[in-house]
Amino acid sequence: MTYVFVLLLYLGTGEDRSLSSDELEFATLEACNRHASAIVKRYSTHGISLKDRAVAYCVPKVLKDIK
């Protein structure tokens, strides 16, 4: 079995929170976390609206071996 780490990106808060991306896969947790950290950074002088709030998680996924 081979494992990868999938980056899950959610945008919004509460009931308006939705999964924006679940297609990025990384070979190591460190690489996934590095990208997750960069993706959720927001820069604004006027605050961030609720719809623009972002949360990212790295979760393990098993890839089926092809024989």
PDB file of N, CA and C in Angstrom:
ATOM      1  N   MET A   1       0.836  -1.178   0.000  1.00  0.00           N
ATOM      2  CA  MET A   1       0.000   0.000   0.000  1.00  0.00           C
ATOM      3  C   MET A   1       0.885   1.247   0.000  1.00  0.00           C
ATOM      4  N   THR A   2       0.406   2.251  -0.655  1.00  0.00           N
ATOM      5  CA  THR A   2       1.080   3.532  -0.698  1.00  0.00           C
ATOM      6  C   THR A   2       0.168   4.585  -0.088  1.00  0.00           C
ATOM      7  N   TYR A   3       0.749   5.451   0.721  1.00  0.00           N
ATOM      8  CA  TYR A   3      -0.010   6.522   1.345  1.00  0.00           C
ATOM      9  C   TYR A   3       0.400   7.864   0.762  1.00  0.00           C
ATOM     10  N   VAL A   4      -0.571   8.758   0.636  1.00  0.00           N
ATOM     11  CA  VAL A   4      -0.321  10.155   0.288  1.00  0.00           C
ATOM     12  C   VAL A   4      -1.114  11.004   1.272  1.00  0.00           C
ATOM     13  N   PHE A   5      -0.882  12.287   1.242  1.00  0.00           N
ATOM     14  CA  PHE A   5      -1.636  13.214   2.084  1.00  0.00           C
ATOM     15  C   PHE A   5      -2.399  14.159   1.170  1.00  0.00           C
ATOM     16  N   VAL A   6      -3.702  14.243   1.397  1.00  0.00           N
ATOM     17  CA  VAL A   6      -4.582  15.068   0.579  1.00  0.00           C
ATOM     18  C   VAL A   6      -4.861  16.368   1.320  1.00  0.00           C
ATOM     19  N   LEU A   7      -4.719  17.488   0.620  1.00  0.00           N
ATOM     20  CA  LEU A   7      -5.000  18.789   1.205  1.00  0.00           C
ATOM     21  C   LEU A   7      -6.463  19.123   0.953  1.00  0.00           C
ATOM     22  N   LEU A   8      -7.222  19.302   2.028  1.00  0.00           N
ATOM     23  CA  LEU A   8      -8.628  19.693   1.937  1.00  0.00           C
ATOM     24  C   LEU A   8      -8.716  21.172   2.266  1.00  0.00           C
ATOM     25  N   LEU A   9      -9.281  21.968   1.366  1.00  0.00           N
ATOM     26  CA  LEU A   9      -9.415  23.409   1.568  1.00  0.00           C
ATOM     27  C   LEU A   9     -10.889  23.761   1.678  1.00  0.00           C
ATOM     28  N   TYR A  10     -11.256  24.363   2.812  1.00  0.00           N
ATOM     29  CA  TYR A  10     -12.625  24.809   3.049  1.00  0.00           C
ATOM     30  C   TYR A  10     -12.652  26.325   3.066  1.00  0.00           C
ATOM     31  N   LEU A  11     -13.692  26.918   2.457  1.00  0.00           N
ATOM     32  CA  LEU A  11     -13.883  28.367   2.467  1.00  0.00           C
ATOM     33  C   LEU A  11     -15.190  28.697   3.156  1.00  0.00           C
ATOM     34  N   GLY A  12     -15.215  29.833   3.860  1.00  0.00           N
ATOM     35  CA  GLY A  12     -16.422  30.275   4.553  1.00  0.00           C
ATOM     36  C   GLY A  12     -16.445  29.798   5.997  1.00  0.00           C
ATOM     37  N   THR A  13     -17.556  30.105   6.673  1.00  0.00           N
ATOM     38  CA  THR A  13     -17.732  29.699   8.072  1.00  0.00           C
ATOM     39  C   THR A  13     -19.142  29.179   8.280  1.00  0.00           C
ATOM     40  N   GLY A  14     -19.324  28.423   9.355  1.00  0.00           N
ATOM     41  CA  GLY A  14     -20.652  27.935   9.728  1.00  0.00           C
ATOM     42  C   GLY A  14     -21.308  27.128   8.627  1.00  0.00           C
ATOM     43  N   GLU A  15     -22.606  27.351   8.442  1.00  0.00           N
ATOM     44  CA  GLU A  15     -23.371  26.619   7.433  1.00  0.00           C
ATOM     45  C   GLU A  15     -22.947  26.960   6.010  1.00  0.00           C
ATOM     46  N   ASP A  16     -22.298  28.110   5.843  1.00  0.00           N
ATOM     47  CA  ASP A  16     -21.845  28.528   4.510  1.00  0.00           C
ATOM     48  C   ASP A  16     -20.483  27.947   4.156  1.00  0.00           C
ATOM     49  N   ARG A  17     -19.892  27.212   5.070  1.00  0.00           N
ATOM     50  CA  ARG A  17     -18.576  26.605   4.832  1.00  0.00           C
ATOM     51  C   ARG A  17     -18.705  25.508   3.785  1.00  0.00           C
ATOM     52  N   SER A  18     -17.810  25.521   2.807  1.00  0.00           N
ATOM     53  CA  SER A  18     -17.873  24.506   1.754  1.00  0.00           C
ATOM     54  C   SER A  18     -16.468  24.052   1.356  1.00  0.00           C
ATOM     55  N   LEU A  19     -16.391  22.800   0.940  1.00  0.00           N
ATOM     56  CA  LEU A  19     -15.129  22.237   0.467  1.00  0.00           C
ATOM     57  C   LEU A  19     -14.819  22.837  -0.893  1.00  0.00           C
ATOM     58  N   SER A  20     -13.689  23.501  -0.980  1.00  0.00           N
ATOM     59  CA  SER A  20     -13.303  24.167  -2.216  1.00  0.00           C
ATOM     60  C   SER A  20     -12.385  23.294  -3.070  1.00  0.00           C
ATOM     61  N   SER A  21     -11.535  22.494  -2.403  1.00  0.00           N
ATOM     62  CA  SER A  21     -10.582  21.674  -3.145  1.00  0.00           C
ATOM     63  C   SER A  21     -10.216  20.436  -2.343  1.00  0.00           C
ATOM     64  N   ASP A  22     -10.117  19.308  -3.043  1.00  0.00           N
ATOM     65  CA  ASP A  22      -9.641  18.067  -2.429  1.00  0.00           C
ATOM     66  C   ASP A  22      -8.828  17.261  -3.434  1.00  0.00           C
ATOM     67  N   GLU A  23      -8.168  17.979  -4.343  1.00  0.00           N
ATOM     68  CA  GLU A  23      -7.453  17.320  -5.434  1.00  0.00           C
ATOM     69  C   GLU A  23      -5.928  17.329  -5.288  1.00  0.00           C
ATOM     70  N   LEU A  24      -5.399  18.095  -4.330  1.00  0.00           N
ATOM     71  CA  LEU A  24      -3.953  18.178  -4.184  1.00  0.00           C
ATOM     72  C   LEU A  24      -3.450  17.055  -3.296  1.00  0.00           C
ATOM     73  N   GLU A  25      -2.515  16.258  -3.818  1.00  0.00           N
ATOM     74  CA  GLU A  25      -1.946  15.141  -3.068  1.00  0.00           C
ATOM     75  C   GLU A  25      -0.438  15.335  -2.939  1.00  0.00           C
ATOM     76  N   PHE A  26       0.085  14.971  -1.752  1.00  0.00           N
ATOM     77  CA  PHE A  26       1.505  15.136  -1.457  1.00  0.00           C
ATOM     78  C   PHE A  26       2.078  13.848  -0.910  1.00  0.00           C
ATOM     79  N   ALA A  27       3.347  13.604  -1.170  1.00  0.00           N
ATOM     80  CA  ALA A  27       4.014  12.385  -0.712  1.00  0.00           C
ATOM     81  C   ALA A  27       4.312  12.429   0.782  1.00  0.00           C
ATOM     82  N   THR A  28       4.504  13.625   1.340  1.00  0.00           N
ATOM     83  CA  THR A  28       4.822  13.732   2.764  1.00  0.00           C
ATOM     84  C   THR A  28       3.870  14.694   3.461  1.00  0.00           C
ATOM     85  N   LEU A  29       3.679  14.457   4.750  1.00  0.00           N
ATOM     86  CA  LEU A  29       2.839  15.350   5.551  1.00  0.00           C
ATOM     87  C   LEU A  29       3.461  16.732   5.647  1.00  0.00           C
ATOM     88  N   GLU A  30       4.768  16.794   5.730  1.00  0.00           N
ATOM     89  CA  GLU A  30       5.451  18.084   5.821  1.00  0.00           C
ATOM     90  C   GLU A  30       5.175  18.948   4.593  1.00  0.00           C
ATOM     91  N   ALA A  31       5.226  18.356   3.415  1.00  0.00           N
ATOM     92  CA  ALA A  31       4.953  19.103   2.178  1.00  0.00           C
ATOM     93  C   ALA A  31       3.499  19.565   2.146  1.00  0.00           C
ATOM     94  N   CYS A  32       2.597  18.701   2.546  1.00  0.00           N
ATOM     95  CA  CYS A  32       1.174  19.057   2.567  1.00  0.00           C
ATOM     96  C   CYS A  32       0.936  20.216   3.533  1.00  0.00           C
ATOM     97  N   ASN A  33       1.478  20.125   4.743  1.00  0.00           N
ATOM     98  CA  ASN A  33       1.305  21.192   5.733  1.00  0.00           C
ATOM     99  C   ASN A  33       1.903  22.509   5.276  1.00  0.00           C
ATOM    100  N   ARG A  34       3.029  22.459   4.583  1.00  0.00           N
ATOM    101  CA  ARG A  34       3.667  23.682   4.068  1.00  0.00           C
ATOM    102  C   ARG A  34       2.745  24.386   3.067  1.00  0.00           C
ATOM    103  N   HIS A  35       2.152  23.613   2.169  1.00  0.00           N
ATOM    104  CA  HIS A  35       1.231  24.186   1.194  1.00  0.00           C
ATOM    105  C   HIS A  35      -0.061  24.663   1.862  1.00  0.00           C
ATOM    106  N   ALA A  36      -0.567  23.900   2.822  1.00  0.00           N
ATOM    107  CA  ALA A  36      -1.785  24.293   3.538  1.00  0.00           C
ATOM    108  C   ALA A  36      -1.584  25.633   4.233  1.00  0.00           C
ATOM    109  N   SER A  37      -0.446  25.800   4.867  1.00  0.00           N
ATOM    110  CA  SER A  37      -0.145  27.044   5.567  1.00  0.00           C
ATOM    111  C   SER A  37      -0.122  28.230   4.604  1.00  0.00           C
ATOM    112  N   ALA A  38       0.492  28.046   3.455  1.00  0.00           N
ATOM    113  CA  ALA A  38       0.584  29.132   2.476  1.00  0.00           C
ATOM    114  C   ALA A  38      -0.781  29.461   1.867  1.00  0.00           C
ATOM    115  N   ILE A  39      -1.601  28.448   1.642  1.00  0.00           N
ATOM    116  CA  ILE A  39      -2.896  28.661   0.990  1.00  0.00           C
ATOM    117  C   ILE A  39      -3.862  29.452   1.864  1.00  0.00           C
ATOM    118  N   VAL A  40      -3.828  29.250   3.173  1.00  0.00           N
ATOM    119  CA  VAL A  40      -4.811  29.908   4.036  1.00  0.00           C
ATOM    120  C   VAL A  40      -4.390  31.301   4.486  1.00  0.00           C
ATOM    121  N   LYS A  41      -3.200  31.754   4.132  1.00  0.00           N
ATOM    122  CA  LYS A  41      -2.792  33.111   4.498  1.00  0.00           C
ATOM    123  C   LYS A  41      -3.644  34.123   3.753  1.00  0.00           C
ATOM    124  N   ARG A  42      -4.071  35.134   4.482  1.00  0.00           N
ATOM    125  CA  ARG A  42      -4.874  36.211   3.897  1.00  0.00           C
ATOM    126  C   ARG A  42      -4.243  37.539   4.304  1.00  0.00           C
ATOM    127  N   TYR A  43      -4.176  38.471   3.375  1.00  0.00           N
ATOM    128  CA  TYR A  43      -3.613  39.780   3.652  1.00  0.00           C
ATOM    129  C   TYR A  43      -4.654  40.830   3.325  1.00  0.00           C
ATOM    130  N   SER A  44      -4.978  41.652   4.309  1.00  0.00           N
ATOM    131  CA  SER A  44      -5.981  42.686   4.093  1.00  0.00           C
ATOM    132  C   SER A  44      -5.805  43.777   5.133  1.00  0.00           C
ATOM    133  N   THR A  45      -6.045  45.009   4.739  1.00  0.00           N
ATOM    134  CA  THR A  45      -6.009  46.112   5.697  1.00  0.00           C
ATOM    135  C   THR A  45      -7.404  46.418   6.233  1.00  0.00           C
ATOM    136  N   HIS A  46      -8.441  45.784   5.680  1.00  0.00           N
ATOM    137  CA  HIS A  46      -9.818  46.066   6.077  1.00  0.00           C
ATOM    138  C   HIS A  46     -10.502  44.854   6.685  1.00  0.00           C
ATOM    139  N   GLY A  47      -9.759  43.839   7.051  1.00  0.00           N
ATOM    140  CA  GLY A  47     -10.374  42.641   7.618  1.00  0.00           C
ATOM    141  C   GLY A  47     -10.758  41.653   6.531  1.00  0.00           C
ATOM    142  N   ILE A  48     -11.115  40.489   6.967  1.00  0.00           N
ATOM    143  CA  ILE A  48     -11.470  39.411   6.049  1.00  0.00           C
ATOM    144  C   ILE A  48     -12.957  39.113   6.209  1.00  0.00           C
ATOM    145  N   SER A  49     -13.685  39.081   5.114  1.00  0.00           N
ATOM    146  CA  SER A  49     -15.110  38.758   5.198  1.00  0.00           C
ATOM    147  C   SER A  49     -15.270  37.275   5.535  1.00  0.00           C
ATOM    148  N   LEU A  50     -16.417  36.918   6.095  1.00  0.00           N
ATOM    149  CA  LEU A  50     -16.658  35.532   6.501  1.00  0.00           C
ATOM    150  C   LEU A  50     -16.567  34.562   5.335  1.00  0.00           C
ATOM    151  N   LYS A  51     -17.007  34.974   4.153  1.00  0.00           N
ATOM    152  CA  LYS A  51     -16.971  34.067   2.999  1.00  0.00           C
ATOM    153  C   LYS A  51     -15.547  33.806   2.509  1.00  0.00           C
ATOM    154  N   ASP A  52     -14.605  34.663   2.914  1.00  0.00           N
ATOM    155  CA  ASP A  52     -13.214  34.506   2.490  1.00  0.00           C
ATOM    156  C   ASP A  52     -12.333  33.814   3.528  1.00  0.00           C
ATOM    157  N   ARG A  53     -12.910  33.409   4.647  1.00  0.00           N
ATOM    158  CA  ARG A  53     -12.140  32.672   5.650  1.00  0.00           C
ATOM    159  C   ARG A  53     -11.788  31.308   5.088  1.00  0.00           C
ATOM    160  N   ALA A  54     -10.584  30.835   5.361  1.00  0.00           N
ATOM    161  CA  ALA A  54     -10.118  29.566   4.798  1.00  0.00           C
ATOM    162  C   ALA A  54      -9.510  28.690   5.887  1.00  0.00           C
ATOM    163  N   VAL A  55      -9.778  27.397   5.779  1.00  0.00           N
ATOM    164  CA  VAL A  55      -9.202  26.395   6.667  1.00  0.00           C
ATOM    165  C   VAL A  55      -8.709  25.258   5.790  1.00  0.00           C
ATOM    166  N   ALA A  56      -7.514  24.752   6.096  1.00  0.00           N
ATOM    167  CA  ALA A  56      -6.957  23.649   5.307  1.00  0.00           C
ATOM    168  C   ALA A  56      -6.545  22.516   6.240  1.00  0.00           C
ATOM    169  N   TYR A  57      -6.823  21.296   5.822  1.00  0.00           N
ATOM    170  CA  TYR A  57      -6.456  20.097   6.562  1.00  0.00           C
ATOM    171  C   TYR A  57      -5.692  19.160   5.638  1.00  0.00           C
ATOM    172  N   CYS A  58      -4.737  18.445   6.189  1.00  0.00           N
ATOM    173  CA  CYS A  58      -4.033  17.389   5.451  1.00  0.00           C
ATOM    174  C   CYS A  58      -4.463  16.054   6.040  1.00  0.00           C
ATOM    175  N   VAL A  59      -5.018  15.202   5.219  1.00  0.00           N
ATOM    176  CA  VAL A  59      -5.497  13.909   5.695  1.00  0.00           C
ATOM    177  C   VAL A  59      -4.832  12.786   4.890  1.00  0.00           C
ATOM    178  N   PRO A  60      -4.549  11.652   5.549  1.00  0.00           N
ATOM    179  CA  PRO A  60      -3.923  10.536   4.825  1.00  0.00           C
ATOM    180  C   PRO A  60      -4.922   9.847   3.914  1.00  0.00           C
ATOM    181  N   LYS A  61      -4.401   9.296   2.836  1.00  0.00           N
ATOM    182  CA  LYS A  61      -5.218   8.547   1.874  1.00  0.00           C
ATOM    183  C   LYS A  61      -4.397   7.352   1.403  1.00  0.00           C
ATOM    184  N   VAL A  62      -5.053   6.217   1.312  1.00  0.00           N
ATOM    185  CA  VAL A  62      -4.383   5.005   0.835  1.00  0.00           C
ATOM    186  C   VAL A  62      -4.604   4.888  -0.673  1.00  0.00           C
ATOM    187  N   LEU A  63      -3.520   4.711  -1.403  1.00  0.00           N
ATOM    188  CA  LEU A  63      -3.620   4.454  -2.842  1.00  0.00           C
ATOM    189  C   LEU A  63      -3.556   2.949  -3.062  1.00  0.00           C
ATOM    190  N   LYS A  64      -4.442   2.459  -3.864  1.00  0.00           N
ATOM    191  CA  LYS A  64      -4.422   1.026  -4.161  1.00  0.00           C
ATOM    192  C   LYS A  64      -3.267   0.720  -5.106  1.00  0.00           C
ATOM    193  N   ASP A  65      -2.529  -0.313  -4.769  1.00  0.00           N
ATOM    194  CA  ASP A  65      -1.415  -0.717  -5.619  1.00  0.00           C
ATOM    195  C   ASP A  65      -1.943  -1.355  -6.905  1.00  0.00           C
ATOM    196  N   ILE A  66      -1.333  -0.982  -8.019  1.00  0.00           N
ATOM    197  CA  ILE A  66      -1.697  -1.554  -9.301  1.00  0.00           C
ATOM    198  C   ILE A  66      -0.763  -2.726  -9.574  1.00  0.00           C
ATOM    199  N   LYS A  67      -1.353  -3.875  -9.842  1.00  0.00           N
ATOM    200  CA  LYS A  67      -0.533  -5.067 -10.097  1.00  0.00           C
ATOM    201  C   LYS A  67      -0.626  -5.485 -11.536  1.00  0.00           C
TER     202      LYS A  67
END
